[in-house]
N, C-alpha and C. Protein backbone atom coordinates (compact mmCIF):
# COMPACT_ATOMS: atom_id res chain seq x y z
N UNK A 1 0.64 -0.98 -0.08
CA UNK A 1 0.13 -0.42 0.19
C UNK A 1 0.79 1.05 0.18
N UNK A 2 0.94 2.25 -1.07
CA UNK A 2 1.52 3.25 -0.90
C UNK A 2 1.07 4.29 0.20
N UNK A 3 2.52 4.55 0.45
CA UNK A 3 2.21 5.61 1.68
C UNK A 3 2.16 7.47 1.37
N UNK A 4 1.65 7.75 2.25
CA UNK A 4 1.84 9.21 2.10
C UNK A 4 2.19 10.39 3.19
N UNK A 5 2.35 11.83 2.92
CA UNK A 5 2.52 12.46 4.56
C UNK A 5 1.90 11.99 5.40
N UNK A 6 0.57 11.83 5.34
CA UNK A 6 -0.19 11.96 6.71
C UNK A 6 -0.33 10.60 7.07
N UNK A 7 -0.12 9.14 6.39
CA UNK A 7 0.04 7.81 6.35
C UNK A 7 1.25 7.39 6.23
N UNK A 8 1.81 6.74 6.85
CA UNK A 8 3.13 6.26 6.90
C UNK A 8 3.77 4.96 7.84
N UNK A 9 4.90 4.50 7.22
CA UNK A 9 5.27 3.35 8.88
C UNK A 9 5.44 3.93 9.66
N UNK A 10 5.37 3.34 11.25
CA UNK A 10 5.81 4.13 12.05
C UNK A 10 7.21 4.33 12.22
N UNK A 11 8.08 3.23 11.55
CA UNK A 11 9.56 3.44 11.71
C UNK A 11 10.07 4.35 11.26
N UNK A 12 9.14 5.67 10.57
CA UNK A 12 9.74 6.82 9.78
C UNK A 12 8.97 8.10 10.96
N UNK A 13 8.13 7.56 12.00
CA UNK A 13 7.75 8.52 12.60
C UNK A 13 8.98 10.22 12.94
N UNK A 14 10.00 9.53 13.69
CA UNK A 14 11.20 9.99 14.12
C UNK A 14 12.18 10.69 12.97
N UNK A 15 11.78 10.70 11.58
CA UNK A 15 12.55 10.94 10.96
C UNK A 15 11.96 12.47 10.82
N UNK A 16 13.08 13.43 10.75
CA UNK A 16 12.64 14.38 10.21
C UNK A 16 11.88 14.98 9.05
N UNK A 17 10.79 15.58 9.02
CA UNK A 17 9.86 15.66 7.98
C UNK A 17 10.39 15.90 6.31
N UNK A 18 11.59 16.70 6.31
CA UNK A 18 11.97 16.39 4.58
C UNK A 18 13.05 14.95 4.48
N UNK A 19 13.29 14.46 5.44
CA UNK A 19 13.97 12.88 5.45
C UNK A 19 12.90 12.09 5.16
N UNK A 20 11.94 12.16 6.30
CA UNK A 20 10.74 11.37 5.67
C UNK A 20 10.19 11.52 4.47
N UNK A 21 9.72 12.57 4.12
CA UNK A 21 9.57 12.74 2.84
C UNK A 21 9.88 11.87 1.56
N UNK A 22 11.62 11.96 1.75
CA UNK A 22 12.33 10.89 1.22
C UNK A 22 11.67 9.67 1.23
N UNK A 23 11.81 9.25 2.41
CA UNK A 23 11.81 7.80 2.91
C UNK A 23 10.47 7.48 2.45
N UNK A 24 9.85 8.39 2.01
CA UNK A 24 8.40 7.63 1.38
C UNK A 24 8.48 7.99 0.03
N UNK A 25 8.91 8.58 -0.26
CA UNK A 25 9.09 8.38 -2.12
C UNK A 25 9.76 6.87 -2.18
N UNK A 26 10.91 7.13 -1.51
CA UNK A 26 11.73 5.89 -2.43
C UNK A 26 10.92 4.61 -2.02
N UNK A 27 10.47 4.27 -0.91
CA UNK A 27 9.77 3.36 0.35
C UNK A 27 8.80 2.89 -1.34
N UNK A 28 7.79 3.77 -1.29
CA UNK A 28 6.96 3.91 -2.48
C UNK A 28 7.16 3.05 -3.98
N UNK A 29 8.97 3.57 -4.17
CA UNK A 29 9.09 3.20 -5.81
C UNK A 29 9.84 1.78 -5.26
N UNK A 30 10.07 1.14 -3.94
CA UNK A 30 10.56 0.35 -4.00
C UNK A 30 9.36 -0.86 -3.82
N UNK A 31 8.36 -0.49 -3.07
CA UNK A 31 6.84 -1.16 -3.33
C UNK A 31 6.33 -1.48 -4.82
N UNK A 32 5.91 -0.18 -5.46
CA UNK A 32 5.10 -0.27 -6.75
C UNK A 32 5.95 -0.49 -7.58
N UNK A 33 7.44 -0.31 -8.39
CA UNK A 33 7.88 -0.40 -9.37
C UNK A 33 8.97 -1.36 -8.79
N UNK A 34 9.44 -1.89 -7.98
CA UNK A 34 10.19 -2.88 -7.87
C UNK A 34 9.89 -4.22 -7.21
N UNK A 35 8.80 -4.02 -6.78
CA UNK A 35 7.93 -5.41 -5.90
C UNK A 35 8.55 -5.96 -4.82
N UNK A 36 9.15 -4.83 -4.24
CA UNK A 36 10.06 -5.33 -2.75
C UNK A 36 8.47 -5.56 -1.96
N UNK A 37 8.54 -6.39 -0.52
CA UNK A 37 7.75 -6.38 0.47
C UNK A 37 7.76 -5.25 1.20
N UNK A 38 6.82 -4.96 1.69
CA UNK A 38 6.83 -4.22 2.83
C UNK A 38 8.04 -3.43 3.59
N UNK A 39 8.44 -4.77 4.56
CA UNK A 39 9.56 -4.36 5.74
C UNK A 39 10.71 -4.02 4.73
N UNK A 40 11.12 -5.14 4.04
CA UNK A 40 12.27 -4.80 3.01
C UNK A 40 12.43 -3.52 2.78
N UNK A 41 11.26 -2.82 1.91
CA UNK A 41 10.99 -1.62 1.23
C UNK A 41 11.21 -0.15 2.51
N UNK A 42 10.61 -0.27 3.55
CA UNK A 42 10.61 0.25 4.73
C UNK A 42 12.38 0.56 5.05
N UNK A 43 13.15 -0.32 5.44
CA UNK A 43 14.44 -0.48 6.11
C UNK A 43 15.21 -0.15 4.81
N UNK A 44 15.04 -0.18 3.59
CA UNK A 44 15.51 0.40 2.64
C UNK A 44 15.58 1.76 2.85
N UNK A 45 14.36 2.08 2.27
CA UNK A 45 14.04 3.65 2.35
C UNK A 45 14.45 4.39 3.07
N UNK A 46 14.34 3.72 4.58
CA UNK A 46 14.71 4.44 5.83
C UNK A 46 16.25 5.28 5.71
N UNK A 47 17.41 4.01 5.31
CA UNK A 47 18.97 4.19 5.11
C UNK A 47 18.98 4.34 3.93
N UNK A 48 18.49 4.58 3.00
CA UNK A 48 18.79 5.91 1.42
C UNK A 48 18.02 7.17 1.74
N UNK A 49 16.92 7.50 2.54
CA UNK A 49 16.83 8.41 2.63
C UNK A 49 17.80 9.30 3.86
N UNK A 50 18.45 8.71 4.63
CA UNK A 50 19.43 9.03 5.86
C UNK A 50 20.51 9.68 4.80
N UNK A 51 20.92 8.37 4.09
CA UNK A 51 21.97 8.97 2.55
C UNK A 51 21.99 9.96 2.48
N UNK A 52 20.86 10.43 1.63
CA UNK A 52 20.22 11.39 0.88
C UNK A 52 20.42 12.63 1.83
N UNK A 53 20.21 12.40 2.48
CA UNK A 53 19.80 13.99 3.63
C UNK A 53 21.24 13.90 3.85
N UNK A 54 22.08 13.38 4.25
CA UNK A 54 23.79 13.77 4.49
C UNK A 54 24.10 13.88 3.24
N UNK A 55 23.95 13.94 2.05
CA UNK A 55 24.27 14.27 1.07
C UNK A 55 24.43 15.89 0.80
N UNK A 56 23.16 16.27 1.20
CA UNK A 56 22.27 17.60 1.12
C UNK A 56 22.34 18.51 3.01
N UNK A 57 23.24 17.63 3.03
CA UNK A 57 23.96 18.71 4.34
C UNK A 57 22.69 18.81 5.68
N UNK A 58 21.60 17.95 5.18
CA UNK A 58 20.34 17.87 6.72
C UNK A 58 20.30 17.61 7.48
N UNK A 59 19.67 17.33 8.76
CA UNK A 59 19.72 16.97 9.86
C UNK A 59 19.30 15.59 9.86
N UNK A 60 19.61 14.12 10.31
CA UNK A 60 19.14 12.86 9.38
C UNK A 60 18.18 12.66 10.66
N UNK A 61 18.30 13.46 12.27
CA UNK A 61 17.38 12.84 13.45
C UNK A 61 18.07 11.95 14.18
């Protein structure tokens, strides 16, 4: 099921809003385009969003 800014996995709750938005974008792509299961998509998306944030000088929480 795709997520958005109002409905997202609990594991993303601790992320800053900008990083969470990127994690949601990545997780949705992994789910819908790549066929990953939810658990794996969430874990990968959080890790990749944190990498993205660091590269852009953002606080990762």
